Amino acid sequence: MADIWLMRHGAYEGPRPGYHTPHEATLTQEGREQVRRSLPLPEGVTAIVTSPIPRARQTAALVSHLTGLPIVAASGLLAEWRAPSIVLGRTAETYPPAYRAWRAHRLADLHTRARHCAAFLHRASGRHGPLLAVSHALLLGVLSHLQEGPAAFTTAARAPLQFAETRLLPAHQRVGPDVRRPAR
């Protein structure tokens, strides 16, 4: 089984931490410098897959340019979920009640999407060898703690990847969508 390395995109133009970010947000100069400082990549990486969201795509393109590695896929499975416009520019304590209720139930959906993403990454590494997957903090955190089930969200939120941080996806996390949460 080929290694799969996870990288969070670099710093981006947009609101302060704790606020939802528009999908169109792009890398800042500091974000590009963070990506440069993250190199060299771990040994053996042969290809890049990325979220289609601009800040991740730009991070992947810069890594590709600096290393010569090909970007072999851009997948919505690696995308950050799109926040509804009603919460853009707001903090959690000012979200409308209906959004707060929905947010409480999205954890299972995020876990399911992360399982499908893990399966996608596993298939891509089977075709292309060791991969670098460029995505977003929360999804990458859930991928790293997939065996926890929907509770992975809480673990991921407590220790998010920093901008341009690279982390190895644990081998036991590279599972297909049919793998169930372990019994307790």
C-alpha atoms as a PDB file:
ATOM      1  CA  MET A   1       0.000   0.000   0.000  1.00  0.00           C
ATOM      2  CA  ALA A   2       1.518   3.338  -1.087  1.00  0.00           C
ATOM      3  CA  ASP A   3       1.915   6.209   1.370  1.00  0.00           C
ATOM      4  CA  ILE A   4      -0.625   9.020   1.250  1.00  0.00           C
ATOM      5  CA  TRP A   5       0.548  12.350   2.597  1.00  0.00           C
ATOM      6  CA  LEU A   6      -1.976  15.033   3.561  1.00  0.00           C
ATOM      7  CA  MET A   7      -1.219  18.739   3.186  1.00  0.00           C
ATOM      8  CA  ARG A   8      -3.351  21.659   4.208  1.00  0.00           C
ATOM      9  CA  HIS A   9      -3.375  24.568   1.760  1.00  0.00           C
ATOM     10  CA  GLY A  10      -1.411  27.730   2.575  1.00  0.00           C
ATOM     11  CA  ALA A  11      -2.770  30.903   4.212  1.00  0.00           C
ATOM     12  CA  TYR A  12      -5.460  32.644   2.177  1.00  0.00           C
ATOM     13  CA  GLU A  13      -7.183  35.963   1.638  1.00  0.00           C
ATOM     14  CA  GLY A  14     -10.289  36.126   3.718  1.00  0.00           C
ATOM     15  CA  PRO A  15     -11.898  36.594   7.080  1.00  0.00           C
ATOM     16  CA  ARG A  16     -10.248  36.041  10.435  1.00  0.00           C
ATOM     17  CA  PRO A  17      -9.966  32.568  11.955  1.00  0.00           C
ATOM     18  CA  GLY A  18     -13.266  31.259  13.295  1.00  0.00           C
ATOM     19  CA  TYR A  19     -15.265  32.727  10.413  1.00  0.00           C
ATOM     20  CA  HIS A  20     -16.481  30.863   7.347  1.00  0.00           C
ATOM     21  CA  THR A  21     -14.327  31.518   4.308  1.00  0.00           C
ATOM     22  CA  PRO A  22     -15.697  32.112   0.804  1.00  0.00           C
ATOM     23  CA  HIS A  23     -14.694  29.365  -1.642  1.00  0.00           C
ATOM     24  CA  GLU A  24     -13.093  31.944  -3.926  1.00  0.00           C
ATOM     25  CA  ALA A  25     -10.444  32.900  -1.325  1.00  0.00           C
ATOM     26  CA  THR A  26      -6.941  32.683  -2.814  1.00  0.00           C
ATOM     27  CA  LEU A  27      -3.469  32.211  -1.351  1.00  0.00           C
ATOM     28  CA  THR A  28      -1.676  35.195   0.111  1.00  0.00           C
ATOM     29  CA  GLN A  29       2.025  35.860  -0.382  1.00  0.00           C
ATOM     30  CA  GLU A  30       2.549  34.387   3.108  1.00  0.00           C
ATOM     31  CA  GLY A  31       0.588  31.295   1.990  1.00  0.00           C
ATOM     32  CA  ARG A  32       2.906  30.860  -0.981  1.00  0.00           C
ATOM     33  CA  GLU A  33       5.926  31.224   1.321  1.00  0.00           C
ATOM     34  CA  GLN A  34       4.464  28.606   3.696  1.00  0.00           C
ATOM     35  CA  VAL A  35       4.195  26.187   0.776  1.00  0.00           C
ATOM     36  CA  ARG A  36       7.821  26.854  -0.228  1.00  0.00           C
ATOM     37  CA  ARG A  37       8.963  26.282   3.375  1.00  0.00           C
ATOM     38  CA  SER A  38       7.052  22.965   3.485  1.00  0.00           C
ATOM     39  CA  LEU A  39       9.445  21.512   0.904  1.00  0.00           C
ATOM     40  CA  PRO A  40      11.069  19.152   0.325  1.00  0.00           C
ATOM     41  CA  LEU A  41       8.180  16.728   0.362  1.00  0.00           C
ATOM     42  CA  PRO A  42       8.492  13.389   2.113  1.00  0.00           C
ATOM     43  CA  GLU A  43      10.608  10.950   0.126  1.00  0.00           C
ATOM     44  CA  GLY A  44       8.871   8.908  -2.533  1.00  0.00           C
ATOM     45  CA  VAL A  45       5.872  11.124  -3.340  1.00  0.00           C
ATOM     46  CA  THR A  46       5.159  10.701  -7.066  1.00  0.00           C
ATOM     47  CA  ALA A  47       1.920  12.623  -7.692  1.00  0.00           C
ATOM     48  CA  ILE A  48      -0.484  15.215  -6.305  1.00  0.00           C
ATOM     49  CA  VAL A  49      -4.261  15.190  -5.916  1.00  0.00           C
ATOM     50  CA  THR A  50      -6.111  18.288  -4.797  1.00  0.00           C
ATOM     51  CA  SER A  51      -9.347  19.865  -3.759  1.00  0.00           C
ATOM     52  CA  PRO A  52     -10.787  21.980  -6.586  1.00  0.00           C
ATOM     53  CA  ILE A  53     -11.180  25.014  -4.272  1.00  0.00           C
ATOM     54  CA  PRO A  54      -8.803  27.822  -5.349  1.00  0.00           C
ATOM     55  CA  ARG A  55      -6.576  28.000  -2.251  1.00  0.00           C
ATOM     56  CA  ALA A  56      -5.936  24.231  -2.381  1.00  0.00           C
ATOM     57  CA  ARG A  57      -5.531  24.193  -6.179  1.00  0.00           C
ATOM     58  CA  GLN A  58      -3.014  27.053  -5.950  1.00  0.00           C
ATOM     59  CA  THR A  59      -1.098  25.224  -3.219  1.00  0.00           C
ATOM     60  CA  ALA A  60      -0.991  22.049  -5.327  1.00  0.00           C
ATOM     61  CA  ALA A  61       0.052  24.008  -8.439  1.00  0.00           C
ATOM     62  CA  LEU A  62       2.895  25.685  -6.549  1.00  0.00           C
ATOM     63  CA  VAL A  63       4.102  22.341  -5.142  1.00  0.00           C
ATOM     64  CA  SER A  64       3.886  20.877  -8.651  1.00  0.00           C
ATOM     65  CA  HIS A  65       5.841  23.791 -10.120  1.00  0.00           C
ATOM     66  CA  LEU A  66       8.559  23.615  -7.443  1.00  0.00           C
ATOM     67  CA  THR A  67       8.931  19.811  -7.440  1.00  0.00           C
ATOM     68  CA  GLY A  68       8.017  18.780 -10.992  1.00  0.00           C
ATOM     69  CA  LEU A  69       5.371  16.368  -9.651  1.00  0.00           C
ATOM     70  CA  PRO A  70       2.195  16.012 -11.735  1.00  0.00           C
ATOM     71  CA  ILE A  71      -1.248  16.913 -10.434  1.00  0.00           C
ATOM     72  CA  VAL A  72      -3.176  13.776 -11.397  1.00  0.00           C
ATOM     73  CA  ALA A  73      -6.633  14.664 -10.057  1.00  0.00           C
ATOM     74  CA  ALA A  74      -8.791  17.404  -8.579  1.00  0.00           C
ATOM     75  CA  SER A  75     -11.695  15.883  -6.686  1.00  0.00           C
ATOM     76  CA  GLY A  76     -14.699  17.348  -4.946  1.00  0.00           C
ATOM     77  CA  LEU A  77     -14.211  14.620  -2.329  1.00  0.00           C
ATOM     78  CA  LEU A  78     -11.232  16.696  -1.109  1.00  0.00           C
ATOM     79  CA  ALA A  79     -13.223  19.953  -1.106  1.00  0.00           C
ATOM     80  CA  GLU A  80     -14.255  21.847   1.952  1.00  0.00           C
ATOM     81  CA  TRP A  81     -18.025  21.923   2.317  1.00  0.00           C
ATOM     82  CA  ARG A  82     -19.666  25.127   1.122  1.00  0.00           C
ATOM     83  CA  ALA A  83     -21.085  27.191   3.967  1.00  0.00           C
ATOM     84  CA  PRO A  84     -24.447  28.805   3.217  1.00  0.00           C
ATOM     85  CA  SER A  85     -24.241  32.534   2.579  1.00  0.00           C
ATOM     86  CA  ILE A  86     -26.271  33.227   5.733  1.00  0.00           C
ATOM     87  CA  VAL A  87     -23.215  32.385   7.890  1.00  0.00           C
ATOM     88  CA  LEU A  88     -20.421  33.950   5.833  1.00  0.00           C
ATOM     89  CA  GLY A  89     -18.617  36.540   7.917  1.00  0.00           C
ATOM     90  CA  ARG A  90     -20.291  35.356  11.134  1.00  0.00           C
ATOM     91  CA  THR A  91     -18.909  33.513  14.134  1.00  0.00           C
ATOM     92  CA  ALA A  92     -20.443  30.365  15.646  1.00  0.00           C
ATOM     93  CA  GLU A  93     -22.138  32.278  18.456  1.00  0.00           C
ATOM     94  CA  THR A  94     -24.054  34.423  15.939  1.00  0.00           C
ATOM     95  CA  TYR A  95     -25.300  31.620  13.646  1.00  0.00           C
ATOM     96  CA  PRO A  96     -29.070  31.458  13.100  1.00  0.00           C
ATOM     97  CA  PRO A  97     -30.886  28.705  15.100  1.00  0.00           C
ATOM     98  CA  ALA A  98     -31.824  26.660  11.997  1.00  0.00           C
ATOM     99  CA  TYR A  99     -28.182  26.553  10.897  1.00  0.00           C
ATOM    100  CA  ARG A 100     -27.037  25.551  14.394  1.00  0.00           C
ATOM    101  CA  ALA A 101     -29.505  22.638  14.365  1.00  0.00           C
ATOM    102  CA  TRP A 102     -28.339  21.477  10.926  1.00  0.00           C
ATOM    103  CA  ARG A 103     -24.698  21.823  11.931  1.00  0.00           C
ATOM    104  CA  ALA A 104     -25.195  19.439  14.845  1.00  0.00           C
ATOM    105  CA  HIS A 105     -26.299  16.706  12.402  1.00  0.00           C
ATOM    106  CA  ARG A 106     -23.646  17.188   9.716  1.00  0.00           C
ATOM    107  CA  LEU A 107     -20.984  15.190  11.540  1.00  0.00           C
ATOM    108  CA  ALA A 108     -22.191  11.832  10.228  1.00  0.00           C
ATOM    109  CA  ASP A 109     -22.282  13.271   6.693  1.00  0.00           C
ATOM    110  CA  LEU A 110     -18.707  14.538   7.015  1.00  0.00           C
ATOM    111  CA  HIS A 111     -17.527  11.156   8.269  1.00  0.00           C
ATOM    112  CA  THR A 112     -19.214   9.380   5.348  1.00  0.00           C
ATOM    113  CA  ARG A 113     -17.614  11.790   2.866  1.00  0.00           C
ATOM    114  CA  ALA A 114     -14.216  11.280   4.534  1.00  0.00           C
ATOM    115  CA  ARG A 115     -14.600   7.496   4.147  1.00  0.00           C
ATOM    116  CA  HIS A 116     -15.341   7.941   0.435  1.00  0.00           C
ATOM    117  CA  CYS A 117     -12.367  10.306   0.170  1.00  0.00           C
ATOM    118  CA  ALA A 118     -10.095   7.713   1.833  1.00  0.00           C
ATOM    119  CA  ALA A 119     -11.245   5.132  -0.712  1.00  0.00           C
ATOM    120  CA  PHE A 120     -10.574   7.594  -3.563  1.00  0.00           C
ATOM    121  CA  LEU A 121      -7.071   8.303  -2.210  1.00  0.00           C
ATOM    122  CA  HIS A 122      -6.360   4.603  -1.851  1.00  0.00           C
ATOM    123  CA  ARG A 123      -7.400   3.943  -5.473  1.00  0.00           C
ATOM    124  CA  ALA A 124      -5.356   6.928  -6.707  1.00  0.00           C
ATOM    125  CA  SER A 125      -2.262   5.746  -4.821  1.00  0.00           C
ATOM    126  CA  GLY A 126      -2.745   2.316  -6.378  1.00  0.00           C
ATOM    127  CA  ARG A 127      -2.559   3.929  -9.840  1.00  0.00           C
ATOM    128  CA  HIS A 128       0.037   6.639  -9.217  1.00  0.00           C
ATOM    129  CA  GLY A 129       2.100   5.518  -6.208  1.00  0.00           C
ATOM    130  CA  PRO A 130       2.721   7.600  -3.084  1.00  0.00           C
ATOM    131  CA  LEU A 131       0.535  10.703  -3.141  1.00  0.00           C
ATOM    132  CA  LEU A 132       0.322  14.194  -1.738  1.00  0.00           C
ATOM    133  CA  ALA A 133      -3.332  15.147  -1.151  1.00  0.00           C
ATOM    134  CA  VAL A 134      -3.898  18.902  -0.780  1.00  0.00           C
ATOM    135  CA  SER A 135      -7.100  19.821   1.009  1.00  0.00           C
ATOM    136  CA  HIS A 136      -8.578  21.654   4.002  1.00  0.00           C
ATOM    137  CA  ALA A 137      -7.995  21.446   7.752  1.00  0.00           C
ATOM    138  CA  LEU A 138     -11.245  19.881   8.925  1.00  0.00           C
ATOM    139  CA  LEU A 139     -11.532  17.183   6.247  1.00  0.00           C
ATOM    140  CA  LEU A 140      -7.849  16.281   6.610  1.00  0.00           C
ATOM    141  CA  GLY A 141      -8.306  16.011  10.373  1.00  0.00           C
ATOM    142  CA  VAL A 142     -11.323  13.743   9.998  1.00  0.00           C
ATOM    143  CA  LEU A 143      -9.391  11.601   7.491  1.00  0.00           C
ATOM    144  CA  SER A 144      -6.572  11.277  10.035  1.00  0.00           C
ATOM    145  CA  HIS A 145      -9.004  10.023  12.713  1.00  0.00           C
ATOM    146  CA  LEU A 146     -11.496   8.113  10.576  1.00  0.00           C
ATOM    147  CA  GLN A 147     -11.666   5.128  12.939  1.00  0.00           C
ATOM    148  CA  GLU A 148     -13.325   7.379  15.559  1.00  0.00           C
ATOM    149  CA  GLY A 149     -16.480   7.642  13.452  1.00  0.00           C
ATOM    150  CA  PRO A 150     -18.374  10.972  13.546  1.00  0.00           C
ATOM    151  CA  ALA A 151     -16.458  11.885  16.724  1.00  0.00           C
ATOM    152  CA  ALA A 152     -13.407  12.408  14.472  1.00  0.00           C
ATOM    153  CA  PHE A 153     -14.775  15.907  13.872  1.00  0.00           C
ATOM    154  CA  THR A 154     -14.162  16.830  17.521  1.00  0.00           C
ATOM    155  CA  THR A 155     -10.628  15.407  17.486  1.00  0.00           C
ATOM    156  CA  ALA A 156      -9.878  17.206  14.200  1.00  0.00           C
ATOM    157  CA  ALA A 157     -11.190  20.516  15.537  1.00  0.00           C
ATOM    158  CA  ARG A 158      -8.944  20.261  18.632  1.00  0.00           C
ATOM    159  CA  ALA A 159      -5.710  19.766  16.657  1.00  0.00           C
ATOM    160  CA  PRO A 160      -6.120  21.103  13.118  1.00  0.00           C
ATOM    161  CA  LEU A 161      -3.334  20.914  10.570  1.00  0.00           C
ATOM    162  CA  GLN A 162      -1.525  24.213  10.268  1.00  0.00           C
ATOM    163  CA  PHE A 163      -1.204  26.007   6.934  1.00  0.00           C
ATOM    164  CA  ALA A 164       1.001  23.954   4.553  1.00  0.00           C
ATOM    165  CA  GLU A 165       1.549  21.267   7.221  1.00  0.00           C
ATOM    166  CA  THR A 166       2.138  17.777   5.838  1.00  0.00           C
ATOM    167  CA  ARG A 167       1.011  14.651   7.710  1.00  0.00           C
ATOM    168  CA  LEU A 168       1.043  10.966   6.753  1.00  0.00           C
ATOM    169  CA  LEU A 169      -2.397   9.384   6.507  1.00  0.00           C
ATOM    170  CA  PRO A 170      -2.236   6.413   8.895  1.00  0.00           C
ATOM    171  CA  ALA A 171      -2.283   3.129   6.959  1.00  0.00           C
ATOM    172  CA  HIS A 172      -5.355   1.898   8.845  1.00  0.00           C
ATOM    173  CA  GLN A 173      -7.264   5.014   7.692  1.00  0.00           C
ATOM    174  CA  ARG A 174      -6.962   4.097   4.009  1.00  0.00           C
ATOM    175  CA  VAL A 175     -10.248   2.274   3.834  1.00  0.00           C
ATOM    176  CA  GLY A 176     -13.081   1.900   1.382  1.00  0.00           C
ATOM    177  CA  PRO A 177     -16.558   3.340   1.875  1.00  0.00           C
ATOM    178  CA  ASP A 178     -17.880  -0.068   2.960  1.00  0.00           C
ATOM    179  CA  VAL A 179     -15.704  -0.208   6.102  1.00  0.00           C
ATOM    180  CA  ARG A 180     -17.760   0.239   9.254  1.00  0.00           C
ATOM    181  CA  ARG A 181     -16.861   1.918  12.493  1.00  0.00           C
ATOM    182  CA  PRO A 182     -15.254  -0.564  14.894  1.00  0.00           C
ATOM    183  CA  ALA A 183     -17.462  -1.981  17.668  1.00  0.00           C
ATOM    184  CA  ARG A 184     -16.803  -0.764  21.179  1.00  0.00           C
END
